[in-house]
Structure formats: structure tokens, C-alpha cells
Amino acid sequence: MSPLSPLSKVDLHLHTTVSDGRLTPRQLVQLLAKNGVRYAAITDHDTTAGLDEAFEEAKAHPGLTLVPGIELSADVPGGEVHMLGLFLAYRDEELQQTLVRFREGRVGRARGMLERLAQLGMPLEWEQVQRTAGDASVGRPHVAQAMVAKGYVASTQEAFDRFLGRNGPAYVEREKLTPEEAIALVLRHQGLPVLAHPSYVTDLEKRLPSLCAAGLVGMEVFYKSYLPDMVGWLLRLARQHNLVPCGGTDYHGMGTRGEVEPGTSGPPVEVFQHLERLALQRKGQAQPATPARS
């Protein structure tokens, strides 16, 4: 399946206003239905707060199956690794307490970034950043948007490239989570851990064995606008390590260069069916009525 297919029916990487997306959970579900997506996972950063609203809206769209998800950030030397958790038991109280701690860390981190930006001659009001975030947990994208609004940079990408990225002068560390710890957290709450946008991972081939040993189930292969050569390489790696080749658009609704809408990139339907079967097996439930093809 081409990652540029205009008729992808599966999207397992999506964001809403409860993290750093521009559409509410309800609006995102409506877009998924409009674009013909049949199977989707909402994977906001460090939060599942949008899932109840999304599932409620999905009742009005019987052709769409939603599964609960999340995206967790993990640290590695010199970079970050993002881990998706699909089919997550998101109402678990222990999980929610952990996520609250992560989000509180995001607030402290964002305030630290504002302090550094002020020292660089680019003061921002905390209230302005909060307004930008709305109901979402404050994060770097909201600081970047506030910088654009003040005219300090021309785009959010410039804000990250020059100031907020890992090597930028306004970057502030947050609570550290290793990729293996992120995998363990997802597994502990009945989810399937999937490596997000692996092309961004430094030394991917060297890291995969330890991630697989920790319990990694899948890896994004059909991601966003990956070209065929990239898809082919990642698909070979996925097969080599017995990982499910997942994917999605990583849609935020920002309208930025290179962003694609749900329904334009994602894995085959058989991939979703296989993931669903794995999730049900792990939860000790009955198998889907229609046998899945792996």
C-alpha cells in the first residue's frame, strides 16, 4: 500500500485540542467520518482527556471504529523517542495519576522556557500561552504559537529550530522517561506499544533490539508523507523484528507544510485487524467475529 494513497481507511496517530491539535475531539471524529476513515486511534500527548468526547461523537458515525490511544515522549542520549499506546485501558486510575504528573511537569517546563525566552529578549506572558493552549496541557507548541503571535518568529517551525528544540537556548528538560519505561507503562495498562515516526530516531537499527526485548509490538511504517523508499526500508525492519507495521497521519490540523489529512496515509485494514486481535488476546477477551490476516 502506498503511503500517499488517497483512500487510506486506517489512521492510528491523531491529535486534538486536549494536547497540541487544532480540532476538538468531536470535530476530529467528524473529519475522520467525512474522509472515509474506518479505523482510528486518537493519541494525544500525555493525556486521554479527549477520548470520552470522541467516543460519544463516534456513536453518530457507525462506519467508524475508534480505539483509545496516547503518545508518550521518552528521552535517549541526544534526542527523543515517541511511543504510541494503542487499545489502552485509559480509565485505569493508576494510569491517570501518572499522566497528571506528566502534565504538571509540562507546566513547569513551559514556565522555565518563558524565563529563558525573557532572558533572550523575547518576553511572553504566561496568561497568553495559557490562552493559546486553551483546555490542553501547555506544551512547547503553545509556546511556539505565542512566539509567532508576538512576532518573535515567523512560524512555529522557526521557533523550534532556533529556540525550543533540544539544542535551542530556550529548551528546558522535563521528567525523563526512557523508551523502555514508556513501553512498560503502556503494557501495564493493557495497551500495545508502537514506535512513532521511527525515521526521527537516532541509530534506529541499533535501538530496535532493546525496544523489542522490552515488549515493543509495532512500529510506524505508513506514516504521514513517507516516500516509498522510506516505507520499504521500515517495512523490512519491521519484518526483521516481527513488529506490526502501523502508521497514520500524525494529524494536528495546523495547516503546516507537509501536513496531510486523515484518510490520505495509513496502514492496510489488515494491520488494524491484527492489532485488534492482539489487544483482545492480551485482555483475555473473545476474538473478533471476522478472522484477521496478519
C-alpha atoms as a PDB file:
ATOM      1  CA  MET A   1       0.000   0.000   0.000  1.00  0.00           C
ATOM      2  CA  SER A   2       1.399   3.391  -0.936  1.00  0.00           C
ATOM      3  CA  PRO A   3       1.769   5.921   1.910  1.00  0.00           C
ATOM      4  CA  LEU A   4       0.432   8.510  -0.499  1.00  0.00           C
ATOM      5  CA  SER A   5      -2.785   6.615  -1.179  1.00  0.00           C
ATOM      6  CA  PRO A   6      -5.785   8.984  -1.197  1.00  0.00           C
ATOM      7  CA  LEU A   7      -8.021   6.249   0.245  1.00  0.00           C
ATOM      8  CA  SER A   8      -6.407   5.080   3.472  1.00  0.00           C
ATOM      9  CA  LYS A   9      -9.083   3.744   5.811  1.00  0.00           C
ATOM     10  CA  VAL A  10      -6.841   3.423   8.888  1.00  0.00           C
ATOM     11  CA  ASP A  11      -5.219   6.208  10.922  1.00  0.00           C
ATOM     12  CA  LEU A  12      -3.569   5.289  14.213  1.00  0.00           C
ATOM     13  CA  HIS A  13      -1.879   8.602  15.067  1.00  0.00           C
ATOM     14  CA  LEU A  14      -4.075  11.675  15.631  1.00  0.00           C
ATOM     15  CA  HIS A  15      -4.138  14.733  17.912  1.00  0.00           C
ATOM     16  CA  THR A  16      -6.842  17.060  19.234  1.00  0.00           C
ATOM     17  CA  THR A  17      -7.143  20.267  21.235  1.00  0.00           C
ATOM     18  CA  VAL A  18      -6.592  18.403  24.503  1.00  0.00           C
ATOM     19  CA  SER A  19      -2.899  18.312  23.564  1.00  0.00           C
ATOM     20  CA  ASP A  20      -1.483  20.234  20.606  1.00  0.00           C
ATOM     21  CA  GLY A  21      -4.069  19.746  17.848  1.00  0.00           C
ATOM     22  CA  ARG A  22      -6.428  22.367  16.441  1.00  0.00           C
ATOM     23  CA  LEU A  23      -9.639  20.311  16.220  1.00  0.00           C
ATOM     24  CA  THR A  24     -11.696  19.279  19.224  1.00  0.00           C
ATOM     25  CA  PRO A  25     -12.170  15.530  19.673  1.00  0.00           C
ATOM     26  CA  ARG A  26     -15.698  15.885  18.303  1.00  0.00           C
ATOM     27  CA  GLN A  27     -14.515  17.830  15.247  1.00  0.00           C
ATOM     28  CA  LEU A  28     -11.737  15.332  14.577  1.00  0.00           C
ATOM     29  CA  VAL A  29     -14.160  12.396  14.631  1.00  0.00           C
ATOM     30  CA  GLN A  30     -16.411  14.266  12.212  1.00  0.00           C
ATOM     31  CA  LEU A  31     -13.441  14.806   9.879  1.00  0.00           C
ATOM     32  CA  LEU A  32     -12.491  11.131  10.089  1.00  0.00           C
ATOM     33  CA  ALA A  33     -16.007  10.111   9.103  1.00  0.00           C
ATOM     34  CA  LYS A  34     -16.143  12.701   6.311  1.00  0.00           C
ATOM     35  CA  ASN A  35     -12.834  11.449   4.893  1.00  0.00           C
ATOM     36  CA  GLY A  36     -13.895   7.817   4.926  1.00  0.00           C
ATOM     37  CA  VAL A  37     -11.602   6.602   7.703  1.00  0.00           C
ATOM     38  CA  ARG A  38     -12.970   3.370   9.201  1.00  0.00           C
ATOM     39  CA  TYR A  39     -10.466   2.630  11.985  1.00  0.00           C
ATOM     40  CA  ALA A  40      -8.679   5.278  14.037  1.00  0.00           C
ATOM     41  CA  ALA A  41      -6.808   5.924  17.270  1.00  0.00           C
ATOM     42  CA  ILE A  42      -6.671   9.301  18.991  1.00  0.00           C
ATOM     43  CA  THR A  43      -3.200   9.637  20.501  1.00  0.00           C
ATOM     44  CA  ASP A  44      -2.859  12.942  22.319  1.00  0.00           C
ATOM     45  CA  HIS A  45       0.376  13.755  24.150  1.00  0.00           C
ATOM     46  CA  ASP A  46       0.414  12.533  27.774  1.00  0.00           C
ATOM     47  CA  THR A  47      -3.365  12.674  28.080  1.00  0.00           C
ATOM     48  CA  THR A  48      -6.520  10.714  27.308  1.00  0.00           C
ATOM     49  CA  ALA A  49      -8.821  13.605  28.214  1.00  0.00           C
ATOM     50  CA  GLY A  50     -10.379  13.804  24.745  1.00  0.00           C
ATOM     51  CA  LEU A  51     -11.369  10.169  24.418  1.00  0.00           C
ATOM     52  CA  ASP A  52     -14.778  10.247  26.088  1.00  0.00           C
ATOM     53  CA  GLU A  53     -15.921  13.113  23.860  1.00  0.00           C
ATOM     54  CA  ALA A  54     -14.528  11.351  20.794  1.00  0.00           C
ATOM     55  CA  PHE A  55     -16.275   8.071  21.609  1.00  0.00           C
ATOM     56  CA  GLU A  56     -19.545   9.904  22.211  1.00  0.00           C
ATOM     57  CA  GLU A  57     -19.326  11.581  18.793  1.00  0.00           C
ATOM     58  CA  ALA A  58     -18.350   8.289  17.143  1.00  0.00           C
ATOM     59  CA  LYS A  59     -21.782   6.882  18.065  1.00  0.00           C
ATOM     60  CA  ALA A  60     -23.180   9.127  15.322  1.00  0.00           C
ATOM     61  CA  HIS A  61     -20.842   7.543  12.753  1.00  0.00           C
ATOM     62  CA  PRO A  62     -21.436   3.770  12.758  1.00  0.00           C
ATOM     63  CA  GLY A  63     -18.922   3.182   9.971  1.00  0.00           C
ATOM     64  CA  LEU A  64     -16.058   4.394  12.181  1.00  0.00           C
ATOM     65  CA  THR A  65     -14.291   2.326  14.852  1.00  0.00           C
ATOM     66  CA  LEU A  66     -12.247   4.277  17.402  1.00  0.00           C
ATOM     67  CA  VAL A  67      -9.689   2.831  19.785  1.00  0.00           C
ATOM     68  CA  PRO A  68      -8.165   4.613  22.789  1.00  0.00           C
ATOM     69  CA  GLY A  69      -4.560   5.730  22.461  1.00  0.00           C
ATOM     70  CA  ILE A  70      -1.858   8.058  23.729  1.00  0.00           C
ATOM     71  CA  GLU A  71       1.553   9.368  22.694  1.00  0.00           C
ATOM     72  CA  LEU A  72       4.355   9.399  25.265  1.00  0.00           C
ATOM     73  CA  SER A  73       7.693  11.185  24.943  1.00  0.00           C
ATOM     74  CA  ALA A  74      10.849   9.393  26.042  1.00  0.00           C
ATOM     75  CA  ASP A  75      14.452  10.558  26.278  1.00  0.00           C
ATOM     76  CA  VAL A  76      17.515   8.983  24.705  1.00  0.00           C
ATOM     77  CA  PRO A  77      21.019  10.464  24.591  1.00  0.00           C
ATOM     78  CA  GLY A  78      20.908  13.381  22.177  1.00  0.00           C
ATOM     79  CA  GLY A  79      17.234  13.095  21.276  1.00  0.00           C
ATOM     80  CA  GLU A  80      13.702  11.880  21.918  1.00  0.00           C
ATOM     81  CA  VAL A  81      11.709   8.783  21.099  1.00  0.00           C
ATOM     82  CA  HIS A  82       7.917   8.920  20.942  1.00  0.00           C
ATOM     83  CA  MET A  83       5.865   5.886  21.872  1.00  0.00           C
ATOM     84  CA  LEU A  84       2.219   5.313  20.994  1.00  0.00           C
ATOM     85  CA  GLY A  85      -0.004   3.234  23.237  1.00  0.00           C
ATOM     86  CA  LEU A  86      -2.955   1.727  21.334  1.00  0.00           C
ATOM     87  CA  PHE A  87      -6.028  -0.051  22.774  1.00  0.00           C
ATOM     88  CA  LEU A  88      -5.078   1.432  26.139  1.00  0.00           C
ATOM     89  CA  ALA A  89      -7.178   0.770  29.272  1.00  0.00           C
ATOM     90  CA  TYR A  90      -7.329   4.523  29.665  1.00  0.00           C
ATOM     91  CA  ARG A  91      -9.746   4.747  32.581  1.00  0.00           C
ATOM     92  CA  ASP A  92      -7.310   2.990  34.917  1.00  0.00           C
ATOM     93  CA  GLU A  93      -6.795   5.197  37.980  1.00  0.00           C
ATOM     94  CA  GLU A  94      -3.075   4.487  38.291  1.00  0.00           C
ATOM     95  CA  LEU A  95      -2.525   5.465  34.660  1.00  0.00           C
ATOM     96  CA  GLN A  96      -4.434   8.711  35.117  1.00  0.00           C
ATOM     97  CA  GLN A  97      -2.394   9.633  38.195  1.00  0.00           C
ATOM     98  CA  THR A  98       0.802   9.058  36.214  1.00  0.00           C
ATOM     99  CA  LEU A  99      -0.459  11.228  33.364  1.00  0.00           C
ATOM    100  CA  VAL A 100      -1.388  14.028  35.777  1.00  0.00           C
ATOM    101  CA  ARG A 101       2.198  14.023  36.999  1.00  0.00           C
ATOM    102  CA  PHE A 102       3.480  14.199  33.419  1.00  0.00           C
ATOM    103  CA  ARG A 103       1.196  17.137  32.615  1.00  0.00           C
ATOM    104  CA  GLU A 104       2.208  19.025  35.749  1.00  0.00           C
ATOM    105  CA  GLY A 105       5.792  18.576  34.616  1.00  0.00           C
ATOM    106  CA  ARG A 106       4.873  20.109  31.269  1.00  0.00           C
ATOM    107  CA  VAL A 107       3.631  23.265  33.010  1.00  0.00           C
ATOM    108  CA  GLY A 108       6.858  23.674  34.979  1.00  0.00           C
ATOM    109  CA  ARG A 109       8.846  23.084  31.822  1.00  0.00           C
ATOM    110  CA  ALA A 110       6.863  25.684  29.858  1.00  0.00           C
ATOM    111  CA  ARG A 111       7.350  28.290  32.608  1.00  0.00           C
ATOM    112  CA  GLY A 112      11.071  27.588  32.513  1.00  0.00           C
ATOM    113  CA  MET A 113      11.102  28.179  28.762  1.00  0.00           C
ATOM    114  CA  LEU A 114       9.371  31.517  29.219  1.00  0.00           C
ATOM    115  CA  GLU A 115      12.067  32.525  31.705  1.00  0.00           C
ATOM    116  CA  ARG A 116      14.774  31.674  29.204  1.00  0.00           C
ATOM    117  CA  LEU A 117      12.999  33.463  26.368  1.00  0.00           C
ATOM    118  CA  ALA A 118      12.721  36.586  28.547  1.00  0.00           C
ATOM    119  CA  GLN A 119      16.468  36.426  29.151  1.00  0.00           C
ATOM    120  CA  LEU A 120      16.893  36.293  25.364  1.00  0.00           C
ATOM    121  CA  GLY A 121      14.830  39.473  24.952  1.00  0.00           C
ATOM    122  CA  MET A 122      11.570  37.752  23.974  1.00  0.00           C
ATOM    123  CA  PRO A 123       9.234  38.054  26.958  1.00  0.00           C
ATOM    124  CA  LEU A 124       5.900  36.227  26.864  1.00  0.00           C
ATOM    125  CA  GLU A 125       3.031  36.434  29.325  1.00  0.00           C
ATOM    126  CA  TRP A 126       2.078  33.125  30.924  1.00  0.00           C
ATOM    127  CA  GLU A 127      -1.586  34.006  30.504  1.00  0.00           C
ATOM    128  CA  GLN A 128      -1.044  34.389  26.750  1.00  0.00           C
ATOM    129  CA  VAL A 129       0.463  30.915  26.493  1.00  0.00           C
ATOM    130  CA  GLN A 130      -2.417  29.510  28.558  1.00  0.00           C
ATOM    131  CA  ARG A 131      -4.928  31.150  26.216  1.00  0.00           C
ATOM    132  CA  THR A 132      -3.110  29.620  23.256  1.00  0.00           C
ATOM    133  CA  ALA A 133      -3.296  26.185  24.866  1.00  0.00           C
ATOM    134  CA  GLY A 134      -6.988  26.538  25.780  1.00  0.00           C
ATOM    135  CA  ASP A 135      -8.155  23.367  27.528  1.00  0.00           C
ATOM    136  CA  ALA A 136      -4.993  21.493  26.556  1.00  0.00           C
ATOM    137  CA  SER A 137      -1.980  20.867  28.751  1.00  0.00           C
ATOM    138  CA  VAL A 138       0.590  23.568  27.978  1.00  0.00           C
ATOM    139  CA  GLY A 139       3.473  22.357  25.834  1.00  0.00           C
ATOM    140  CA  ARG A 140       6.201  23.577  23.535  1.00  0.00           C
ATOM    141  CA  PRO A 141       3.861  24.017  20.529  1.00  0.00           C
ATOM    142  CA  HIS A 142       1.800  26.519  22.534  1.00  0.00           C
ATOM    143  CA  VAL A 143       4.920  28.487  23.479  1.00  0.00           C
ATOM    144  CA  ALA A 144       5.901  28.450  19.806  1.00  0.00           C
ATOM    145  CA  GLN A 145       2.473  29.731  18.753  1.00  0.00           C
ATOM    146  CA  ALA A 146       2.700  32.539  21.314  1.00  0.00           C
ATOM    147  CA  MET A 147       6.115  33.472  19.901  1.00  0.00           C
ATOM    148  CA  VAL A 148       4.604  33.715  16.428  1.00  0.00           C
ATOM    149  CA  ALA A 149       1.747  35.871  17.743  1.00  0.00           C
ATOM    150  CA  LYS A 150       4.253  38.276  19.296  1.00  0.00           C
ATOM    151  CA  GLY A 151       6.234  38.486  16.063  1.00  0.00           C
ATOM    152  CA  TYR A 152       9.421  36.968  17.503  1.00  0.00           C
ATOM    153  CA  VAL A 153       9.481  34.291  14.815  1.00  0.00           C
ATOM    154  CA  ALA A 154       7.706  33.819  11.513  1.00  0.00           C
ATOM    155  CA  SER A 155       6.499  30.261  12.155  1.00  0.00           C
ATOM    156  CA  THR A 156       6.260  27.614  14.845  1.00  0.00           C
ATOM    157  CA  GLN A 157       8.882  25.639  12.934  1.00  0.00           C
ATOM    158  CA  GLU A 158      11.300  28.541  13.244  1.00  0.00           C
ATOM    159  CA  ALA A 159      10.566  28.733  16.971  1.00  0.00           C
ATOM    160  CA  PHE A 160      11.564  25.089  17.368  1.00  0.00           C
ATOM    161  CA  ASP A 161      14.547  25.282  15.041  1.00  0.00           C
ATOM    162  CA  ARG A 162      16.070  28.369  16.679  1.00  0.00           C
ATOM    163  CA  PHE A 163      14.902  28.340  20.282  1.00  0.00           C
ATOM    164  CA  LEU A 164      12.723  25.477  21.576  1.00  0.00           C
ATOM    165  CA  GLY A 165      14.358  22.408  20.050  1.00  0.00           C
ATOM    166  CA  ARG A 166      16.569  20.156  22.143  1.00  0.00           C
ATOM    167  CA  ASN A 167      19.692  22.151  21.336  1.00  0.00           C
ATOM    168  CA  GLY A 168      17.974  25.551  21.434  1.00  0.00           C
ATOM    169  CA  PRO A 169      18.811  28.251  24.007  1.00  0.00           C
ATOM    170  CA  ALA A 170      15.284  28.189  25.481  1.00  0.00           C
ATOM    171  CA  TYR A 171      14.993  24.412  25.755  1.00  0.00           C
ATOM    172  CA  VAL A 172      14.164  23.045  29.210  1.00  0.00           C
ATOM    173  CA  GLU A 173      14.301  19.387  30.208  1.00  0.00           C
ATOM    174  CA  ARG A 174      11.254  17.612  31.611  1.00  0.00           C
ATOM    175  CA  GLU A 175      10.714  14.496  33.682  1.00  0.00           C
ATOM    176  CA  LYS A 176      12.707  11.805  31.943  1.00  0.00           C
ATOM    177  CA  LEU A 177      11.116   8.588  30.739  1.00  0.00           C
ATOM    178  CA  THR A 178      13.183   6.047  28.839  1.00  0.00           C
ATOM    179  CA  PRO A 179      11.659   4.311  25.791  1.00  0.00           C
ATOM    180  CA  GLU A 180      11.697   1.043  27.726  1.00  0.00           C
ATOM    181  CA  GLU A 181       9.808   2.709  30.600  1.00  0.00           C
ATOM    182  CA  ALA A 182       7.263   4.090  28.134  1.00  0.00           C
ATOM    183  CA  ILE A 183       6.766   0.589  26.725  1.00  0.00           C
ATOM    184  CA  ALA A 184       6.345  -0.811  30.233  1.00  0.00           C
ATOM    185  CA  LEU A 185       3.761   1.860  31.092  1.00  0.00           C
ATOM    186  CA  VAL A 186       1.695   1.027  28.012  1.00  0.00           C
ATOM    187  CA  LEU A 187       1.920  -2.717  28.644  1.00  0.00           C
ATOM    188  CA  ARG A 188       0.982  -2.276  32.304  1.00  0.00           C
ATOM    189  CA  HIS A 189      -2.285  -0.720  31.201  1.00  0.00           C
ATOM    190  CA  GLN A 190      -3.191  -3.336  28.581  1.00  0.00           C
ATOM    191  CA  GLY A 191      -2.034  -1.281  25.604  1.00  0.00           C
ATOM    192  CA  LEU A 192       0.040  -2.143  22.557  1.00  0.00           C
ATOM    193  CA  PRO A 193       3.274  -0.082  22.391  1.00  0.00           C
ATOM    194  CA  VAL A 194       4.119   1.225  18.912  1.00  0.00           C
ATOM    195  CA  LEU A 195       7.201   3.234  17.978  1.00  0.00           C
ATOM    196  CA  ALA A 196       6.133   6.559  16.439  1.00  0.00           C
ATOM    197  CA  HIS A 197       7.804   8.174  13.379  1.00  0.00           C
ATOM    198  CA  PRO A 198      10.893   5.940  13.540  1.00  0.00           C
ATOM    199  CA  SER A 199      12.773   7.874  10.865  1.00  0.00           C
ATOM    200  CA  TYR A 200      13.361  10.540  13.510  1.00  0.00           C
ATOM    201  CA  VAL A 201      15.015   8.053  15.879  1.00  0.00           C
ATOM    202  CA  THR A 202      18.811   8.257  16.011  1.00  0.00           C
ATOM    203  CA  ASP A 203      20.509   4.880  15.493  1.00  0.00           C
ATOM    204  CA  LEU A 204      17.153   3.205  14.902  1.00  0.00           C
ATOM    205  CA  GLU A 205      18.587  -0.157  13.857  1.00  0.00           C
ATOM    206  CA  LYS A 206      20.779  -0.306  16.974  1.00  0.00           C
ATOM    207  CA  ARG A 207      17.920   0.635  19.288  1.00  0.00           C
ATOM    208  CA  LEU A 208      15.286  -1.746  17.970  1.00  0.00           C
ATOM    209  CA  PRO A 209      16.583  -4.948  19.670  1.00  0.00           C
ATOM    210  CA  SER A 210      16.342  -3.429  23.163  1.00  0.00           C
ATOM    211  CA  LEU A 211      12.916  -1.952  22.413  1.00  0.00           C
ATOM    212  CA  CYS A 212      11.675  -5.294  21.146  1.00  0.00           C
ATOM    213  CA  ALA A 213      13.082  -7.032  24.235  1.00  0.00           C
ATOM    214  CA  ALA A 214      11.115  -4.547  26.367  1.00  0.00           C
ATOM    215  CA  GLY A 215       7.871  -5.544  24.623  1.00  0.00           C
ATOM    216  CA  LEU A 216       7.514  -3.287  21.572  1.00  0.00           C
ATOM    217  CA  VAL A 217       4.636  -4.581  19.411  1.00  0.00           C
ATOM    218  CA  GLY A 218       4.649  -2.308  16.384  1.00  0.00           C
ATOM    219  CA  MET A 219       6.415   0.457  14.503  1.00  0.00           C
ATOM    220  CA  GLU A 220       5.050   3.175  12.255  1.00  0.00           C
ATOM    221  CA  VAL A 221       5.821   2.371   8.631  1.00  0.00           C
ATOM    222  CA  PHE A 222       2.948   4.016   6.723  1.00  0.00           C
ATOM    223  CA  TYR A 223       3.462   7.424   8.311  1.00  0.00           C
ATOM    224  CA  LYS A 224       2.333  10.817   7.071  1.00  0.00           C
ATOM    225  CA  SER A 225       4.149  11.514   3.793  1.00  0.00           C
ATOM    226  CA  TYR A 226       6.890   8.888   3.974  1.00  0.00           C
ATOM    227  CA  LEU A 227       8.060   8.163   0.435  1.00  0.00           C
ATOM    228  CA  PRO A 228       8.194   4.611  -0.946  1.00  0.00           C
ATOM    229  CA  ASP A 229      11.925   4.147  -0.269  1.00  0.00           C
ATOM    230  CA  MET A 230      11.453   5.025   3.399  1.00  0.00           C
ATOM    231  CA  VAL A 231       8.371   2.811   3.667  1.00  0.00           C
ATOM    232  CA  GLY A 232      10.264  -0.067   2.102  1.00  0.00           C
ATOM    233  CA  TRP A 233      13.200   0.255   4.496  1.00  0.00           C
ATOM    234  CA  LEU A 234      10.961   0.486   7.569  1.00  0.00           C
ATOM    235  CA  LEU A 235       8.826  -2.412   6.364  1.00  0.00           C
ATOM    236  CA  ARG A 236      11.925  -4.598   6.077  1.00  0.00           C
ATOM    237  CA  LEU A 237      12.981  -3.604   9.601  1.00  0.00           C
ATOM    238  CA  ALA A 238       9.503  -4.320  10.942  1.00  0.00           C
ATOM    239  CA  ARG A 239       9.500  -7.786   9.392  1.00  0.00           C
ATOM    240  CA  GLN A 240      13.037  -8.450  10.611  1.00  0.00           C
ATOM    241  CA  HIS A 241      11.992  -7.719  14.207  1.00  0.00           C
ATOM    242  CA  ASN A 242       8.480  -9.208  13.970  1.00  0.00           C
ATOM    243  CA  LEU A 243       6.829  -5.822  14.512  1.00  0.00           C
ATOM    244  CA  VAL A 244       3.378  -4.878  13.247  1.00  0.00           C
ATOM    245  CA  PRO A 245       3.770  -2.203  10.507  1.00  0.00           C
ATOM    246  CA  CYS A 246       1.492   0.565  11.793  1.00  0.00           C
ATOM    247  CA  GLY A 247       1.009   4.186  10.763  1.00  0.00           C
ATOM    248  CA  GLY A 248      -1.117   7.272  10.456  1.00  0.00           C
ATOM    249  CA  THR A 249      -1.047  10.937   9.578  1.00  0.00           C
ATOM    250  CA  ASP A 250       0.016  12.413  12.944  1.00  0.00           C
ATOM    251  CA  TYR A 251      -2.679  14.974  12.155  1.00  0.00           C
ATOM    252  CA  HIS A 252      -2.752  18.180  14.216  1.00  0.00           C
ATOM    253  CA  GLY A 253      -4.910  20.370  11.976  1.00  0.00           C
ATOM    254  CA  MET A 254      -2.225  23.076  11.852  1.00  0.00           C
ATOM    255  CA  GLY A 255      -2.280  23.538   8.097  1.00  0.00           C
ATOM    256  CA  THR A 256       1.512  23.499   8.071  1.00  0.00           C
ATOM    257  CA  ARG A 257       3.697  22.495   5.145  1.00  0.00           C
ATOM    258  CA  GLY A 258       3.721  18.741   4.672  1.00  0.00           C
ATOM    259  CA  GLU A 259       0.663  18.069   6.830  1.00  0.00           C
ATOM    260  CA  VAL A 260      -1.777  15.569   5.357  1.00  0.00           C
ATOM    261  CA  GLU A 261      -5.374  14.920   6.356  1.00  0.00           C
ATOM    262  CA  PRO A 262      -6.707  11.691   7.847  1.00  0.00           C
ATOM    263  CA  GLY A 263      -7.631   9.332   5.047  1.00  0.00           C
ATOM    264  CA  THR A 264      -4.512  10.033   2.990  1.00  0.00           C
ATOM    265  CA  SER A 265      -1.918   7.926   4.824  1.00  0.00           C
ATOM    266  CA  GLY A 266      -2.040   4.830   6.957  1.00  0.00           C
ATOM    267  CA  PRO A 267      -1.596   1.062   7.051  1.00  0.00           C
ATOM    268  CA  PRO A 268      -3.858  -1.539   5.418  1.00  0.00           C
ATOM    269  CA  VAL A 269      -7.066  -2.549   7.174  1.00  0.00           C
ATOM    270  CA  GLU A 270      -5.487  -5.961   7.863  1.00  0.00           C
ATOM    271  CA  VAL A 271      -2.983  -4.262  10.152  1.00  0.00           C
ATOM    272  CA  PHE A 272      -5.755  -2.848  12.313  1.00  0.00           C
ATOM    273  CA  GLN A 273      -7.458  -6.246  12.434  1.00  0.00           C
ATOM    274  CA  HIS A 274      -4.226  -7.870  13.551  1.00  0.00           C
ATOM    275  CA  LEU A 275      -3.707  -5.251  16.276  1.00  0.00           C
ATOM    276  CA  GLU A 276      -7.271  -5.710  17.447  1.00  0.00           C
ATOM    277  CA  ARG A 277      -6.733  -9.459  17.704  1.00  0.00           C
ATOM    278  CA  LEU A 278      -3.536  -8.942  19.729  1.00  0.00           C
ATOM    279  CA  ALA A 279      -5.271  -6.480  22.055  1.00  0.00           C
ATOM    280  CA  LEU A 280      -8.173  -8.845  22.685  1.00  0.00           C
ATOM    281  CA  GLN A 281      -5.798 -11.755  23.324  1.00  0.00           C
ATOM    282  CA  ARG A 282      -3.917  -9.742  25.921  1.00  0.00           C
ATOM    283  CA  LYS A 283      -7.113  -8.735  27.654  1.00  0.00           C
ATOM    284  CA  GLY A 284      -8.385 -12.312  27.610  1.00  0.00           C
ATOM    285  CA  GLN A 285     -11.454 -11.439  25.553  1.00  0.00           C
ATOM    286  CA  ALA A 286     -13.116 -13.227  22.671  1.00  0.00           C
ATOM    287  CA  GLN A 287     -11.711 -12.900  19.190  1.00  0.00           C
ATOM    288  CA  PRO A 288     -13.275 -10.574  16.591  1.00  0.00           C
ATOM    289  CA  ALA A 289     -16.048 -12.127  14.566  1.00  0.00           C
ATOM    290  CA  THR A 290     -14.061 -11.772  11.338  1.00  0.00           C
ATOM    291  CA  PRO A 291     -10.667 -13.511  11.380  1.00  0.00           C
ATOM    292  CA  ALA A 292      -7.785 -11.067  10.906  1.00  0.00           C
ATOM    293  CA  ARG A 293      -4.977 -11.546   8.422  1.00  0.00           C
ATOM    294  CA  SER A 294      -1.545 -10.662   9.762  1.00  0.00           C
END
